[in-house]
N, C-alpha and C. Protein backbone atom coordinates (compact mmCIF):
# COMPACT_ATOMS: atom_id res chain seq x y z
N UNK A 1 -7.37 9.83 -14.97
CA UNK A 1 -8.67 10.43 -15.03
C UNK A 1 -8.49 11.94 -14.87
N UNK A 2 -9.00 12.67 -15.77
CA UNK A 2 -8.93 14.13 -15.69
C UNK A 2 -10.31 14.67 -15.35
N UNK A 3 -10.34 15.69 -14.51
CA UNK A 3 -11.60 16.33 -14.20
C UNK A 3 -11.35 17.79 -13.86
N UNK A 4 -12.41 18.55 -13.93
CA UNK A 4 -12.35 19.95 -13.57
C UNK A 4 -13.55 20.25 -12.68
N UNK A 5 -13.30 20.82 -11.53
CA UNK A 5 -14.38 21.16 -10.60
C UNK A 5 -14.95 22.52 -10.98
N UNK A 6 -16.25 22.55 -11.17
CA UNK A 6 -16.93 23.79 -11.54
C UNK A 6 -18.02 24.04 -10.49
N UNK A 7 -17.97 25.18 -9.86
CA UNK A 7 -18.98 25.54 -8.86
C UNK A 7 -20.16 26.22 -9.55
N UNK A 8 -21.38 26.01 -9.02
CA UNK A 8 -22.53 26.72 -9.59
C UNK A 8 -22.35 28.23 -9.44
N UNK A 9 -22.79 28.98 -10.43
CA UNK A 9 -22.59 30.43 -10.40
C UNK A 9 -23.29 31.08 -9.22
N UNK A 10 -24.45 30.53 -8.79
CA UNK A 10 -25.15 31.13 -7.66
C UNK A 10 -24.80 30.44 -6.33
N UNK A 11 -23.98 29.39 -6.38
CA UNK A 11 -23.56 28.70 -5.17
C UNK A 11 -24.65 27.90 -4.49
N UNK A 12 -25.72 27.59 -5.19
CA UNK A 12 -26.86 26.87 -4.61
C UNK A 12 -27.00 25.48 -5.22
N UNK A 13 -27.81 24.63 -4.56
CA UNK A 13 -28.11 23.30 -5.11
C UNK A 13 -28.95 23.44 -6.37
N UNK A 14 -29.92 24.34 -6.32
CA UNK A 14 -30.76 24.58 -7.47
C UNK A 14 -32.24 24.47 -7.14
N UNK A 15 -33.00 25.35 -7.74
CA UNK A 15 -34.45 25.29 -7.63
C UNK A 15 -35.03 25.29 -9.03
N UNK A 16 -36.22 24.72 -9.14
CA UNK A 16 -36.88 24.66 -10.45
C UNK A 16 -37.65 25.96 -10.68
N UNK A 17 -37.41 26.55 -11.82
CA UNK A 17 -38.10 27.78 -12.19
C UNK A 17 -39.41 27.44 -12.90
N UNK A 18 -40.34 28.38 -12.96
CA UNK A 18 -41.64 28.11 -13.61
C UNK A 18 -41.52 27.66 -15.07
N UNK A 19 -40.49 28.08 -15.77
CA UNK A 19 -40.35 27.67 -17.17
C UNK A 19 -39.74 26.28 -17.33
N UNK A 20 -39.45 25.58 -16.20
CA UNK A 20 -38.92 24.22 -16.25
C UNK A 20 -37.41 24.13 -16.16
N UNK A 21 -36.74 25.26 -16.27
CA UNK A 21 -35.27 25.23 -16.14
C UNK A 21 -34.89 25.26 -14.66
N UNK A 22 -33.63 24.95 -14.40
CA UNK A 22 -33.13 24.89 -13.03
C UNK A 22 -32.00 25.88 -12.83
N UNK A 23 -31.82 26.29 -11.59
CA UNK A 23 -30.68 27.11 -11.21
C UNK A 23 -29.67 26.22 -10.49
N UNK A 24 -28.54 26.75 -10.14
CA UNK A 24 -27.57 26.07 -9.29
C UNK A 24 -26.94 24.84 -9.91
N UNK A 25 -26.57 23.89 -9.03
CA UNK A 25 -25.86 22.68 -9.45
C UNK A 25 -26.73 21.82 -10.36
N UNK A 26 -28.03 21.71 -10.05
CA UNK A 26 -28.92 20.92 -10.90
C UNK A 26 -29.04 21.57 -12.28
N UNK A 27 -29.07 22.89 -12.32
CA UNK A 27 -29.12 23.60 -13.60
C UNK A 27 -27.87 23.36 -14.43
N UNK A 28 -26.72 23.27 -13.77
CA UNK A 28 -25.48 22.96 -14.51
C UNK A 28 -25.58 21.61 -15.20
N UNK A 29 -26.17 20.62 -14.51
CA UNK A 29 -26.35 19.29 -15.12
C UNK A 29 -27.37 19.38 -16.25
N UNK A 30 -28.47 20.08 -16.02
CA UNK A 30 -29.52 20.20 -17.03
C UNK A 30 -29.00 20.87 -18.30
N UNK A 31 -28.20 21.90 -18.15
CA UNK A 31 -27.66 22.62 -19.31
C UNK A 31 -26.41 21.94 -19.89
N UNK A 32 -26.01 20.83 -19.29
CA UNK A 32 -24.84 20.05 -19.70
C UNK A 32 -23.55 20.86 -19.63
N UNK A 33 -23.50 21.77 -18.67
CA UNK A 33 -22.26 22.50 -18.40
C UNK A 33 -21.29 21.62 -17.61
N UNK A 34 -21.84 20.61 -16.94
CA UNK A 34 -21.04 19.64 -16.19
C UNK A 34 -21.58 18.25 -16.50
N UNK A 35 -20.75 17.24 -16.27
CA UNK A 35 -21.19 15.86 -16.47
C UNK A 35 -21.94 15.32 -15.26
N UNK A 36 -21.53 15.77 -14.08
CA UNK A 36 -22.17 15.30 -12.85
C UNK A 36 -21.95 16.34 -11.76
N UNK A 37 -22.73 16.19 -10.70
CA UNK A 37 -22.56 17.08 -9.56
C UNK A 37 -22.56 16.24 -8.29
N UNK A 38 -21.75 16.64 -7.34
CA UNK A 38 -21.67 15.94 -6.06
C UNK A 38 -22.01 16.97 -4.98
N UNK A 39 -23.26 16.96 -4.55
CA UNK A 39 -23.72 17.91 -3.54
C UNK A 39 -24.68 17.19 -2.60
N UNK A 40 -24.83 17.72 -1.38
CA UNK A 40 -25.77 17.10 -0.43
C UNK A 40 -27.20 17.51 -0.72
N UNK A 41 -27.84 16.85 -1.67
CA UNK A 41 -29.22 17.20 -2.02
C UNK A 41 -30.12 15.98 -1.85
N UNK A 42 -31.35 16.26 -1.53
CA UNK A 42 -32.35 15.20 -1.36
C UNK A 42 -32.83 14.77 -2.74
N UNK A 43 -32.99 13.46 -2.91
CA UNK A 43 -33.49 12.96 -4.18
C UNK A 43 -34.98 13.28 -4.27
N UNK A 44 -35.37 13.89 -5.36
CA UNK A 44 -36.78 14.21 -5.56
C UNK A 44 -37.16 13.85 -6.99
N UNK A 45 -38.47 13.71 -7.20
CA UNK A 45 -38.95 13.35 -8.53
C UNK A 45 -38.60 14.43 -9.55
N UNK A 46 -38.74 15.68 -9.16
CA UNK A 46 -38.45 16.76 -10.11
C UNK A 46 -36.97 16.80 -10.47
N UNK A 47 -36.08 16.51 -9.52
CA UNK A 47 -34.65 16.47 -9.85
C UNK A 47 -34.31 15.25 -10.69
N UNK A 48 -35.06 14.17 -10.51
CA UNK A 48 -34.80 12.96 -11.29
C UNK A 48 -35.19 13.13 -12.75
N UNK A 49 -35.98 14.14 -13.08
CA UNK A 49 -36.28 14.41 -14.49
C UNK A 49 -35.08 15.04 -15.19
N UNK A 50 -34.16 15.61 -14.41
CA UNK A 50 -32.95 16.22 -14.97
C UNK A 50 -31.87 15.18 -15.20
N UNK A 51 -31.72 14.25 -14.27
CA UNK A 51 -30.66 13.26 -14.37
C UNK A 51 -30.93 12.05 -13.50
N UNK A 52 -29.99 11.16 -13.47
CA UNK A 52 -30.12 9.92 -12.71
C UNK A 52 -29.23 9.99 -11.48
N UNK A 53 -29.79 9.64 -10.35
CA UNK A 53 -29.01 9.62 -9.12
C UNK A 53 -28.19 8.34 -9.05
N UNK A 54 -26.98 8.47 -8.59
CA UNK A 54 -26.17 7.31 -8.26
C UNK A 54 -26.48 6.91 -6.83
N UNK A 55 -25.88 5.83 -6.37
CA UNK A 55 -26.10 5.45 -4.97
C UNK A 55 -25.52 6.51 -4.04
N UNK A 56 -26.13 6.69 -2.88
CA UNK A 56 -25.58 7.67 -1.94
C UNK A 56 -24.15 7.31 -1.57
N UNK A 57 -23.28 8.31 -1.50
CA UNK A 57 -21.89 8.04 -1.17
C UNK A 57 -21.60 8.33 0.29
N UNK A 58 -22.57 8.87 1.01
CA UNK A 58 -22.44 9.09 2.45
C UNK A 58 -23.82 8.91 3.06
N UNK A 59 -23.86 8.67 4.34
CA UNK A 59 -25.13 8.50 5.01
C UNK A 59 -25.90 9.81 5.14
N UNK A 60 -25.27 10.90 4.84
CA UNK A 60 -25.96 12.19 4.88
C UNK A 60 -26.56 12.51 3.51
N UNK A 61 -26.73 11.50 2.69
CA UNK A 61 -27.39 11.59 1.40
C UNK A 61 -26.65 12.44 0.38
N UNK A 62 -25.32 12.39 0.38
CA UNK A 62 -24.58 12.95 -0.74
C UNK A 62 -24.75 11.97 -1.88
N UNK A 63 -24.93 12.44 -3.05
CA UNK A 63 -25.06 11.55 -4.19
C UNK A 63 -24.47 12.19 -5.43
N UNK A 64 -24.33 11.40 -6.46
CA UNK A 64 -23.80 11.89 -7.73
C UNK A 64 -24.96 11.93 -8.71
N UNK A 65 -25.22 13.09 -9.25
CA UNK A 65 -26.28 13.26 -10.24
C UNK A 65 -25.62 13.48 -11.58
N UNK A 66 -25.91 12.60 -12.52
CA UNK A 66 -25.33 12.74 -13.85
C UNK A 66 -26.46 12.92 -14.86
N UNK A 67 -26.14 13.52 -15.96
CA UNK A 67 -27.13 13.76 -17.00
C UNK A 67 -27.69 12.45 -17.54
N UNK A 68 -28.97 12.42 -17.85
CA UNK A 68 -29.58 11.19 -18.37
C UNK A 68 -29.72 11.28 -19.88
N UNK A 69 -29.86 10.13 -20.49
CA UNK A 69 -30.08 10.07 -21.92
C UNK A 69 -28.84 10.26 -22.77
N UNK A 70 -27.71 10.47 -22.14
CA UNK A 70 -26.47 10.66 -22.89
C UNK A 70 -25.56 9.48 -22.58
N UNK A 71 -25.26 8.69 -23.58
CA UNK A 71 -24.32 7.60 -23.37
C UNK A 71 -23.38 7.55 -24.55
N UNK A 72 -22.15 7.35 -24.25
CA UNK A 72 -21.16 7.22 -25.30
C UNK A 72 -20.53 5.85 -25.17
N UNK A 73 -20.37 5.20 -26.27
CA UNK A 73 -19.76 3.88 -26.28
C UNK A 73 -18.39 4.00 -26.93
N UNK A 74 -17.40 3.50 -26.23
CA UNK A 74 -16.04 3.58 -26.74
C UNK A 74 -15.39 2.22 -26.56
N UNK A 75 -15.01 1.62 -27.65
CA UNK A 75 -14.37 0.31 -27.59
C UNK A 75 -13.06 0.38 -26.82
N UNK A 76 -12.39 1.50 -26.87
CA UNK A 76 -11.10 1.66 -26.22
C UNK A 76 -11.22 2.27 -24.82
N UNK A 77 -12.39 2.21 -24.23
CA UNK A 77 -12.61 2.82 -22.92
C UNK A 77 -11.67 2.32 -21.85
N UNK A 78 -11.42 1.01 -21.82
CA UNK A 78 -10.51 0.46 -20.81
C UNK A 78 -9.07 0.86 -21.09
N UNK A 79 -8.72 0.91 -22.35
CA UNK A 79 -7.34 1.25 -22.70
C UNK A 79 -7.07 2.72 -22.42
N UNK A 80 -8.03 3.58 -22.70
CA UNK A 80 -7.84 5.01 -22.53
C UNK A 80 -7.87 5.45 -21.07
N UNK A 81 -8.17 4.52 -20.16
CA UNK A 81 -8.17 4.85 -18.74
C UNK A 81 -6.79 5.28 -18.28
N UNK A 82 -5.76 4.60 -18.78
CA UNK A 82 -4.39 4.90 -18.38
C UNK A 82 -3.67 5.69 -19.48
N UNK A 83 -2.68 6.43 -19.07
CA UNK A 83 -1.83 7.18 -19.99
C UNK A 83 -1.00 6.20 -20.81
N UNK A 84 -0.52 6.60 -21.96
CA UNK A 84 0.26 5.71 -22.83
C UNK A 84 1.54 5.26 -22.15
N UNK A 85 2.08 6.09 -21.24
CA UNK A 85 3.33 5.72 -20.55
C UNK A 85 3.10 4.53 -19.63
N UNK A 86 1.94 4.48 -19.00
CA UNK A 86 1.62 3.35 -18.12
C UNK A 86 1.53 2.07 -18.94
N UNK A 87 0.83 2.13 -20.08
CA UNK A 87 0.72 0.95 -20.93
C UNK A 87 2.09 0.53 -21.48
N UNK A 88 2.92 1.49 -21.84
CA UNK A 88 4.26 1.15 -22.34
C UNK A 88 5.06 0.44 -21.26
N UNK A 89 4.98 0.92 -20.03
CA UNK A 89 5.70 0.29 -18.93
C UNK A 89 5.18 -1.12 -18.68
N UNK A 90 3.86 -1.28 -18.65
CA UNK A 90 3.28 -2.61 -18.42
C UNK A 90 3.65 -3.59 -19.53
N UNK A 91 3.52 -3.15 -20.76
CA UNK A 91 3.81 -4.05 -21.88
C UNK A 91 5.29 -4.37 -21.99
N UNK A 92 6.15 -3.44 -21.60
CA UNK A 92 7.58 -3.74 -21.64
C UNK A 92 8.00 -4.61 -20.46
N UNK A 93 7.25 -4.59 -19.38
CA UNK A 93 7.59 -5.41 -18.21
C UNK A 93 7.29 -6.89 -18.45
N UNK A 94 6.32 -7.20 -19.28
CA UNK A 94 5.93 -8.60 -19.50
C UNK A 94 7.08 -9.41 -20.10
N UNK A 95 7.69 -9.01 -21.22
CA UNK A 95 8.78 -9.83 -21.75
C UNK A 95 10.01 -9.84 -20.83
N UNK A 96 10.25 -8.74 -20.13
CA UNK A 96 11.39 -8.70 -19.21
C UNK A 96 11.19 -9.72 -18.09
N UNK A 97 10.00 -9.76 -17.51
CA UNK A 97 9.73 -10.74 -16.45
C UNK A 97 9.78 -12.16 -16.99
N UNK A 98 9.25 -12.37 -18.19
CA UNK A 98 9.30 -13.71 -18.78
C UNK A 98 10.75 -14.15 -18.98
N UNK A 99 11.60 -13.25 -19.44
CA UNK A 99 13.01 -13.58 -19.63
C UNK A 99 13.69 -13.89 -18.30
N UNK A 100 13.41 -13.10 -17.27
CA UNK A 100 14.01 -13.34 -15.96
C UNK A 100 13.56 -14.67 -15.38
N UNK A 101 12.29 -14.98 -15.50
CA UNK A 101 11.79 -16.27 -14.99
C UNK A 101 12.44 -17.41 -15.76
N UNK A 102 12.59 -17.26 -17.06
CA UNK A 102 13.21 -18.31 -17.86
C UNK A 102 14.68 -18.50 -17.50
N UNK A 103 15.40 -17.41 -17.33
CA UNK A 103 16.84 -17.49 -17.07
C UNK A 103 17.17 -17.94 -15.65
N UNK A 104 16.47 -17.41 -14.68
CA UNK A 104 16.83 -17.68 -13.29
C UNK A 104 15.98 -18.77 -12.65
N UNK A 105 14.94 -19.18 -13.31
CA UNK A 105 14.11 -20.24 -12.79
C UNK A 105 13.01 -19.74 -11.88
N UNK A 106 11.94 -20.48 -11.84
CA UNK A 106 10.78 -20.10 -11.05
C UNK A 106 11.04 -20.22 -9.55
N UNK A 107 11.91 -21.13 -9.16
CA UNK A 107 12.19 -21.34 -7.73
C UNK A 107 12.70 -20.07 -7.06
N UNK A 108 13.58 -19.34 -7.73
CA UNK A 108 14.09 -18.10 -7.17
C UNK A 108 12.97 -17.09 -6.96
N UNK A 109 12.08 -16.96 -7.95
CA UNK A 109 10.99 -16.00 -7.83
C UNK A 109 10.00 -16.42 -6.75
N UNK A 110 9.80 -17.72 -6.59
CA UNK A 110 8.90 -18.18 -5.53
C UNK A 110 9.47 -17.81 -4.17
N UNK A 111 10.76 -17.97 -3.98
CA UNK A 111 11.39 -17.59 -2.72
C UNK A 111 11.33 -16.08 -2.50
N UNK A 112 11.55 -15.30 -3.57
CA UNK A 112 11.46 -13.85 -3.44
C UNK A 112 10.05 -13.42 -3.05
N UNK A 113 9.06 -14.08 -3.65
CA UNK A 113 7.68 -13.75 -3.31
C UNK A 113 7.38 -14.09 -1.86
N UNK A 114 7.91 -15.23 -1.38
CA UNK A 114 7.69 -15.60 0.01
C UNK A 114 8.32 -14.57 0.93
N UNK A 115 9.54 -14.19 0.64
CA UNK A 115 10.24 -13.20 1.46
C UNK A 115 9.47 -11.88 1.46
N UNK A 116 9.08 -11.44 0.27
CA UNK A 116 8.39 -10.16 0.15
C UNK A 116 7.06 -10.19 0.89
N UNK A 117 6.36 -11.32 0.81
CA UNK A 117 5.06 -11.40 1.45
C UNK A 117 5.17 -11.27 2.96
N UNK A 118 6.12 -11.99 3.57
CA UNK A 118 6.21 -11.91 5.03
C UNK A 118 6.69 -10.53 5.47
N UNK A 119 7.61 -9.94 4.75
CA UNK A 119 8.07 -8.60 5.10
C UNK A 119 6.96 -7.57 4.87
N UNK A 120 6.20 -7.77 3.80
CA UNK A 120 5.10 -6.86 3.52
C UNK A 120 4.03 -6.97 4.60
N UNK A 121 3.73 -8.19 5.04
CA UNK A 121 2.75 -8.36 6.11
C UNK A 121 3.19 -7.63 7.36
N UNK A 122 4.46 -7.79 7.74
CA UNK A 122 4.96 -7.13 8.94
C UNK A 122 4.92 -5.61 8.78
N UNK A 123 5.31 -5.13 7.61
CA UNK A 123 5.31 -3.69 7.36
C UNK A 123 3.89 -3.13 7.42
N UNK A 124 2.94 -3.81 6.79
CA UNK A 124 1.56 -3.34 6.81
C UNK A 124 0.98 -3.36 8.22
N UNK A 125 1.31 -4.41 8.98
CA UNK A 125 0.81 -4.48 10.36
C UNK A 125 1.39 -3.34 11.19
N UNK A 126 2.69 -3.10 11.06
CA UNK A 126 3.31 -2.02 11.83
C UNK A 126 2.74 -0.67 11.42
N UNK A 127 2.46 -0.50 10.14
CA UNK A 127 1.88 0.76 9.70
C UNK A 127 0.47 0.93 10.27
N UNK A 128 -0.32 -0.15 10.23
CA UNK A 128 -1.69 -0.03 10.73
C UNK A 128 -1.71 0.25 12.22
N UNK A 129 -0.76 -0.29 12.97
CA UNK A 129 -0.73 0.03 14.40
C UNK A 129 -0.21 1.43 14.63
N UNK A 130 0.61 1.94 13.72
CA UNK A 130 1.15 3.29 13.93
C UNK A 130 0.10 4.36 13.68
N UNK A 131 -0.89 4.08 12.84
CA UNK A 131 -1.93 5.08 12.62
C UNK A 131 -3.06 4.94 13.62
N UNK A 132 -3.03 3.88 14.42
CA UNK A 132 -4.03 3.69 15.47
C UNK A 132 -3.58 4.36 16.75
N UNK A 133 -3.93 3.73 17.88
CA UNK A 133 -3.58 4.31 19.17
C UNK A 133 -2.17 3.95 19.60
N UNK A 134 -1.59 2.92 18.98
CA UNK A 134 -0.24 2.53 19.33
C UNK A 134 0.75 3.27 18.44
N UNK A 135 2.04 3.06 18.67
CA UNK A 135 3.04 3.85 17.95
C UNK A 135 4.02 2.96 17.20
N UNK A 136 3.56 2.38 16.08
CA UNK A 136 4.44 1.68 15.15
C UNK A 136 5.20 0.53 15.77
N UNK A 137 6.49 0.42 15.44
CA UNK A 137 7.28 -0.72 15.88
C UNK A 137 7.56 -0.68 17.37
N UNK A 138 7.21 0.39 18.05
CA UNK A 138 7.39 0.45 19.50
C UNK A 138 6.21 -0.18 20.23
N UNK A 139 5.12 -0.47 19.51
CA UNK A 139 3.95 -1.01 20.19
C UNK A 139 4.16 -2.48 20.51
N UNK A 140 3.57 -2.97 21.61
CA UNK A 140 3.70 -4.39 21.96
C UNK A 140 3.12 -5.29 20.89
N UNK A 141 2.01 -4.90 20.28
CA UNK A 141 1.41 -5.73 19.24
C UNK A 141 2.35 -5.91 18.06
N UNK A 142 2.97 -4.83 17.63
CA UNK A 142 3.86 -4.90 16.48
C UNK A 142 5.10 -5.72 16.80
N UNK A 143 5.67 -5.54 17.99
CA UNK A 143 6.85 -6.32 18.37
C UNK A 143 6.51 -7.81 18.42
N UNK A 144 5.35 -8.14 18.97
CA UNK A 144 4.95 -9.55 19.06
C UNK A 144 4.74 -10.14 17.67
N UNK A 145 4.12 -9.37 16.79
CA UNK A 145 3.88 -9.86 15.44
C UNK A 145 5.19 -10.08 14.69
N UNK A 146 6.08 -9.10 14.76
CA UNK A 146 7.37 -9.21 14.06
C UNK A 146 8.17 -10.38 14.62
N UNK A 147 8.12 -10.60 15.93
CA UNK A 147 8.83 -11.74 16.52
C UNK A 147 8.22 -13.05 16.04
N UNK A 148 6.89 -13.12 15.94
CA UNK A 148 6.26 -14.36 15.47
C UNK A 148 6.59 -14.62 14.01
N UNK A 149 6.71 -13.56 13.20
CA UNK A 149 7.08 -13.76 11.80
C UNK A 149 8.50 -14.30 11.70
N UNK A 150 9.40 -13.83 12.57
CA UNK A 150 10.77 -14.36 12.58
C UNK A 150 10.79 -15.81 13.01
N UNK A 151 9.96 -16.17 14.01
CA UNK A 151 9.88 -17.56 14.47
C UNK A 151 9.32 -18.45 13.36
N UNK A 152 8.29 -17.97 12.67
CA UNK A 152 7.69 -18.72 11.57
C UNK A 152 8.73 -18.96 10.48
N UNK A 153 9.52 -17.95 10.16
CA UNK A 153 10.54 -18.08 9.11
C UNK A 153 11.59 -19.10 9.51
N UNK A 154 12.07 -19.03 10.76
CA UNK A 154 13.09 -19.99 11.20
C UNK A 154 12.55 -21.42 11.17
N UNK A 155 11.29 -21.60 11.54
CA UNK A 155 10.70 -22.93 11.55
C UNK A 155 10.60 -23.47 10.12
N UNK A 156 10.22 -22.63 9.17
CA UNK A 156 10.11 -23.07 7.78
C UNK A 156 11.49 -23.36 7.20
N UNK A 157 12.48 -22.51 7.51
CA UNK A 157 13.83 -22.75 7.01
C UNK A 157 14.39 -24.06 7.53
N UNK A 158 14.13 -24.36 8.80
CA UNK A 158 14.68 -25.60 9.37
C UNK A 158 14.01 -26.83 8.78
N UNK A 159 12.78 -26.68 8.28
CA UNK A 159 12.12 -27.83 7.67
C UNK A 159 12.56 -28.02 6.22
N UNK A 160 13.32 -27.07 5.67
CA UNK A 160 13.86 -27.23 4.31
C UNK A 160 12.94 -26.75 3.22
N UNK A 161 11.85 -26.04 3.55
CA UNK A 161 10.92 -25.57 2.53
C UNK A 161 11.40 -24.31 1.82
N UNK A 162 12.33 -23.59 2.41
CA UNK A 162 12.85 -22.36 1.80
C UNK A 162 14.34 -22.56 1.57
N UNK A 163 14.79 -22.22 0.37
CA UNK A 163 16.21 -22.38 0.07
C UNK A 163 17.04 -21.43 0.92
N UNK A 164 18.13 -21.92 1.48
CA UNK A 164 19.01 -21.07 2.28
C UNK A 164 19.91 -20.28 1.35
N UNK A 165 20.29 -19.11 1.80
CA UNK A 165 21.24 -18.39 0.99
C UNK A 165 20.87 -16.99 0.84
């Protein structure tokens, strides 16, 4: 997604002039100098004649005001969201993964997913505690969680549900 931030020339939200035009950020939307504006302004009937308000994005009534009456339809809208390099990587990954699953079997990938999931859970938990009041892997909560994940893994391995090796 590409965007360019443009500030109103007068640095104001905008007021309605007697001739019906607007100054400030609302005027930028009215004159179609910008597609939308994100400013802390109160929704009013006169501003709604310029554009349509989106839902408030903060409780202090920040909202997105976009121009009304302008709609463009593009069949390729979803495709154009990503750069061509992203699509090339995704499309090239599909046959590679299909070949790997075919050659090495689904059982190996299922075990890898199980391993990755438990390690990912532990990593995410340790990260979440590190940004809180505790300090990462040194926190009692994180140590207890990581120990329980190790106990869970040993219990599953002993029951024969996970291939050893």
